[in-house]
Structures are given as C-alpha cells and as structure tokens.
Amino acid sequence: MDGPLMVSYVVLWALVIVLSLLVFALARQVGVLHERVAPAGALMPTSGPKVGEMTEVMPLRDLSDHAVTIGGADADGFATLILFISPTCPVCKSLVPTARSLAAHESKRMRLVFASDGDKIDQHAAYVRDLGIEDYPYIVSQELGLAYVVSKLPFAVLIGGDGALKSKGLVNTREHLESLLESMDSGVASLQDYVEQRRSEFDQSIQEKAS
C-alpha cells in the first residue's frame, strides 16, 4: 500500500472514530434531556375553585332526566371525573373515547360524567348518540360550567370521593387526563407542581452533598 493511500485510509478511520464518539455523546445528551423534560400535564387555570377545597353539592339532572349529584362526598367513596365537552368542539369528540377508556380502567374508584351547556337539547341528544355515550350521565347545565369557571374546552374536573377538588384543567390528550389522576394520587395540585417539587428536592440534595 503506497503512502497516499495509507494516509487516506488512516484519515478515514480517524473520521469514523470521531463520528462514533460524537454519535455516542449526542445519544447520551438526548437521554439526559429526556429525563429533564417534564411530562405534559393538564393546564390548570388560576380562576375558579382551588385544588384542595371542598366542592359544593349540586343536585342536577342529566339528559335522560336522571338525578346526578356533583360535588360533596360520595357515599361509595368514588371520585368523579367531569369532562366538559360540546357538539361544536372537534377536539372534544376525539377525546371522548380516551376518557371512556380511562374511566373503564379506573372503574373501581372513579365515575365519568360528561357536561355541556346550551339550550339545543335535540343537538345534545344527537351528539350523545353519535359519540355512543348513552350509558354515561350527560349534564346540560350552564350553572355547572360557571361553578368551575369553564372558559375553554375540553375541560376536566376531578373531585375526590371525600368531596375535595383534586385537580382540574384543559385537556387534549390521554396524558392530560391521566395527569389529573396523578395529581390526586400524589397529593399535589398539578403534575407540573409535582415535577417542580422533585426538581427542588434534587437541587437541595446536590447542594447538601456539595457542602
């Protein structure tokens, strides 16, 4: 093998080694970033009832004229997930199957209630049939939306079996809905607060080890 060819061969292998090291470093950095990125939780508004407060008992009736009580302690200890939706909300329609799936998975401790407002009862009835949610309470009540200051949809409220407001917020995905349950189980207002709390604990641990 003559000189120029040998030099090019060595340079090529050097480049391969350098690129391999760069790929390894990038992969490691991606892993670090993945650990640092907080999971996306439901966006919790600052207005309306506060998480941790006892909810007001609201005796209502659903679209089938069945009595439904929202708020207050549940006799069976079940939590209540209220999903506010609307026939004019495209995102709501895509989120309903997700909410049903989550409710089925959590059926031993949670019930699912759909809520909306407006005076076009026939439109709501057709909406319920289209979504296939006849087996769930569907409440048409402006009073309920005002009580929880629902301004944008889809919006979810989770009330614990003890009657306390556990979590609430705008929801667009299953991850958002699950974050409400995570908030209830962890005892913090939102998933973002939980992540921030863990970060603070981690930073404090690092400072203590450094001192």
Protein backbone atom coordinates (compact mmCIF):
# COMPACT_ATOMS: atom_id res chain seq x y z
CA MET A 1 0.00 0.00 0.00
CA ASP A 2 1.62 3.24 -1.12
CA GLY A 3 1.92 6.38 1.01
CA PRO A 4 -1.10 8.48 -0.14
CA LEU A 5 -3.45 5.52 0.09
CA MET A 6 -2.23 4.68 3.55
CA VAL A 7 -2.75 8.29 4.68
CA SER A 8 -6.29 8.36 3.30
CA TYR A 9 -7.01 5.02 5.00
CA VAL A 10 -5.80 6.32 8.37
CA VAL A 11 -7.72 9.60 7.96
CA LEU A 12 -10.90 7.68 7.07
CA TRP A 13 -10.65 5.52 10.18
CA ALA A 14 -9.94 8.59 12.30
CA LEU A 15 -13.10 10.23 10.97
CA VAL A 16 -15.12 7.07 11.67
CA ILE A 17 -13.87 7.00 15.26
CA VAL A 18 -14.59 10.72 15.76
CA LEU A 19 -18.10 10.37 14.31
CA SER A 20 -18.75 7.33 16.52
CA LEU A 21 -17.73 9.33 19.58
CA LEU A 22 -19.96 12.23 18.51
CA VAL A 23 -22.95 9.92 18.00
CA PHE A 24 -22.37 8.38 21.42
CA ALA A 25 -22.15 11.82 23.03
CA LEU A 26 -25.32 13.00 21.28
CA ALA A 27 -27.21 9.86 22.31
CA ARG A 28 -26.15 10.39 25.92
CA GLN A 29 -27.24 14.05 25.77
CA VAL A 30 -30.63 13.08 24.33
CA GLY A 31 -31.07 10.69 27.23
CA VAL A 32 -30.24 13.42 29.73
CA LEU A 33 -32.67 15.84 28.07
CA HIS A 34 -35.38 13.18 28.06
CA GLU A 35 -35.01 12.77 31.83
CA ARG A 36 -35.15 16.53 32.37
CA VAL A 37 -38.17 17.26 30.18
CA ALA A 38 -41.28 17.35 32.34
CA PRO A 39 -44.31 15.33 31.23
CA ALA A 40 -47.11 17.47 29.88
CA GLY A 41 -49.99 17.73 32.30
CA ALA A 42 -53.36 19.40 32.11
CA LEU A 43 -53.11 23.20 32.02
CA MET A 44 -54.69 24.32 35.28
CA PRO A 45 -56.28 27.81 35.33
CA THR A 46 -55.91 30.06 38.35
CA SER A 47 -59.56 31.11 38.42
CA GLY A 48 -62.41 29.17 40.00
CA PRO A 49 -62.37 26.76 42.95
CA LYS A 50 -58.93 25.91 44.27
CA VAL A 51 -57.49 22.42 44.42
CA GLY A 52 -57.94 21.05 47.92
CA GLU A 53 -61.14 22.98 48.62
CA MET A 54 -64.37 21.13 49.38
CA THR A 55 -66.75 21.21 46.43
CA GLU A 56 -70.29 22.48 46.62
CA VAL A 57 -73.03 19.86 46.38
CA MET A 58 -75.01 20.45 43.17
CA PRO A 59 -78.12 18.33 42.59
CA LEU A 60 -78.59 18.17 38.82
CA ARG A 61 -80.36 16.08 36.19
CA ASP A 62 -78.79 14.54 33.13
CA LEU A 63 -80.10 14.48 29.58
CA SER A 64 -82.17 11.37 30.39
CA ASP A 65 -83.72 13.19 33.37
CA HIS A 66 -81.87 11.06 35.92
CA ALA A 67 -80.74 12.70 39.14
CA VAL A 68 -76.96 13.30 39.28
CA THR A 69 -75.21 14.86 42.24
CA ILE A 70 -71.98 16.70 41.52
CA GLY A 71 -69.73 17.70 44.40
CA GLY A 72 -69.59 16.75 48.03
CA ALA A 73 -68.51 13.42 49.47
CA ASP A 74 -69.56 10.31 47.54
CA ALA A 75 -71.40 7.65 49.55
CA ASP A 76 -69.34 4.89 47.88
CA GLY A 77 -66.07 6.81 48.04
CA PHE A 78 -65.84 7.14 44.25
CA ALA A 79 -64.04 10.02 42.62
CA THR A 80 -65.91 11.90 39.89
CA LEU A 81 -64.28 12.95 36.64
CA ILE A 82 -66.32 15.62 34.87
CA LEU A 83 -65.40 16.15 31.23
CA PHE A 84 -66.85 19.35 29.77
CA ILE A 85 -67.44 18.95 26.04
CA SER A 86 -69.56 20.49 23.29
CA PRO A 87 -71.07 19.42 19.95
CA THR A 88 -69.14 22.27 18.32
CA CYS A 89 -65.73 21.21 19.72
CA PRO A 90 -63.73 18.93 17.34
CA VAL A 91 -61.09 18.11 19.96
CA CYS A 92 -63.80 17.06 22.40
CA LYS A 93 -65.09 14.41 20.03
CA SER A 94 -61.65 12.86 19.62
CA LEU A 95 -61.04 12.90 23.39
CA VAL A 96 -64.28 11.15 24.43
CA PRO A 97 -63.10 7.59 23.55
CA THR A 98 -59.94 8.26 25.55
CA ALA A 99 -61.97 9.40 28.54
CA ARG A 100 -64.15 6.30 28.31
CA SER A 101 -61.10 4.05 28.15
CA LEU A 102 -59.57 5.74 31.19
CA ALA A 103 -62.85 5.51 33.10
CA ALA A 104 -63.10 1.80 32.34
CA HIS A 105 -59.56 1.28 33.61
CA GLU A 106 -60.32 3.22 36.79
CA SER A 107 -63.87 1.89 37.21
CA LYS A 108 -63.21 0.57 40.72
CA ARG A 109 -62.62 4.06 42.09
CA MET A 110 -63.94 6.65 39.63
CA ARG A 111 -67.08 7.52 37.69
CA LEU A 112 -67.18 9.56 34.48
CA VAL A 113 -69.70 12.34 33.86
CA PHE A 114 -69.98 14.42 30.70
CA ALA A 115 -71.16 18.02 30.87
CA SER A 116 -72.04 20.80 28.47
CA ASP A 117 -74.34 23.81 28.20
CA GLY A 118 -76.73 25.43 25.75
CA ASP A 119 -80.44 25.19 25.10
CA LYS A 120 -80.39 22.98 21.97
CA ILE A 121 -81.36 19.76 23.72
CA ASP A 122 -82.02 17.91 20.48
CA GLN A 123 -78.49 18.73 19.32
CA HIS A 124 -77.05 17.37 22.56
CA ALA A 125 -79.16 14.22 22.31
CA ALA A 126 -77.86 13.60 18.78
CA TYR A 127 -74.32 14.30 19.99
CA VAL A 128 -74.64 11.70 22.74
CA ARG A 129 -75.88 9.10 20.26
CA ASP A 130 -73.11 9.94 17.80
CA LEU A 131 -70.45 9.50 20.49
CA GLY A 132 -72.05 6.36 21.89
CA ILE A 133 -72.06 7.63 25.46
CA GLU A 134 -75.68 6.87 26.34
CA ASP A 135 -74.50 4.83 29.35
CA TYR A 136 -72.83 7.86 30.96
CA PRO A 137 -74.52 10.81 32.65
CA TYR A 138 -74.58 13.80 30.27
CA ILE A 139 -75.48 17.03 32.03
CA VAL A 140 -76.53 20.16 30.18
CA SER A 141 -76.07 22.91 32.75
CA GLN A 142 -74.69 26.41 32.48
CA GLU A 143 -74.65 26.56 36.27
CA LEU A 144 -72.16 23.69 36.47
CA GLY A 145 -69.79 25.32 33.98
CA LEU A 146 -69.94 28.61 35.83
CA ALA A 147 -69.27 26.91 39.17
CA TYR A 148 -65.92 25.62 37.89
CA VAL A 149 -65.22 28.63 35.64
CA VAL A 150 -65.03 26.62 32.43
CA SER A 151 -63.99 29.00 29.66
CA LYS A 152 -62.34 26.69 27.12
CA LEU A 153 -62.95 23.12 26.04
CA PRO A 154 -62.28 20.31 26.54
CA PHE A 155 -62.01 20.91 30.29
CA ALA A 156 -61.90 18.31 33.05
CA VAL A 157 -62.55 18.45 36.78
CA LEU A 158 -61.67 15.64 39.18
CA ILE A 159 -63.48 15.53 42.53
CA GLY A 160 -62.27 13.05 45.12
CA GLY A 161 -64.50 10.64 46.96
CA ASP A 162 -64.16 12.87 50.01
CA GLY A 163 -65.70 15.77 48.11
CA ALA A 164 -62.48 17.79 47.75
CA LEU A 165 -61.38 19.19 44.40
CA LYS A 166 -58.34 17.10 43.46
CA SER A 167 -57.39 18.57 40.08
CA LYS A 168 -58.72 20.40 37.05
CA GLY A 169 -57.56 21.84 33.75
CA LEU A 170 -57.68 21.97 29.99
CA VAL A 171 -57.18 18.51 28.50
CA ASN A 172 -56.39 17.45 24.95
CA THR A 173 -54.81 14.01 25.32
CA ARG A 174 -54.89 10.89 27.48
CA GLU A 175 -51.68 12.12 29.07
CA HIS A 176 -53.52 15.25 30.22
CA LEU A 177 -56.38 13.21 31.66
CA GLU A 178 -54.00 10.83 33.42
CA SER A 179 -52.16 13.80 34.90
CA LEU A 180 -55.33 14.68 36.83
CA LEU A 181 -55.29 11.24 38.44
CA GLU A 182 -51.57 11.54 39.12
CA SER A 183 -52.26 14.84 40.88
CA MET A 184 -54.91 13.19 43.04
CA ASP A 185 -52.68 10.24 43.90
CA SER A 186 -49.60 12.35 44.63
CA GLY A 187 -51.47 14.99 46.60
CA VAL A 188 -50.14 17.93 44.59
CA ALA A 189 -52.20 20.46 42.66
CA SER A 190 -50.82 19.60 39.23
CA LEU A 191 -48.24 17.42 37.55
CA GLN A 192 -46.15 20.49 36.87
CA ASP A 193 -46.08 21.28 40.59
CA TYR A 194 -45.02 17.70 41.29
CA VAL A 195 -42.15 17.91 38.80
CA GLU A 196 -41.07 21.27 40.23
CA GLN A 197 -41.16 19.82 43.73
CA ARG A 198 -38.97 16.88 42.70
CA ARG A 199 -36.53 19.25 40.99
CA SER A 200 -36.27 21.36 44.14
CA GLU A 201 -35.65 18.25 46.22
CA PHE A 202 -32.98 17.11 43.74
CA ASP A 203 -31.26 20.52 43.73
CA GLN A 204 -31.31 20.61 47.52
CA SER A 205 -29.78 17.13 47.65
CA ILE A 206 -26.98 18.21 45.30
CA GLN A 207 -26.28 21.32 47.41
CA GLU A 208 -26.13 19.25 50.58
CA LYS A 209 -23.67 16.82 49.04
CA ALA A 210 -21.53 19.69 47.75
CA SER A 211 -21.34 21.40 51.16
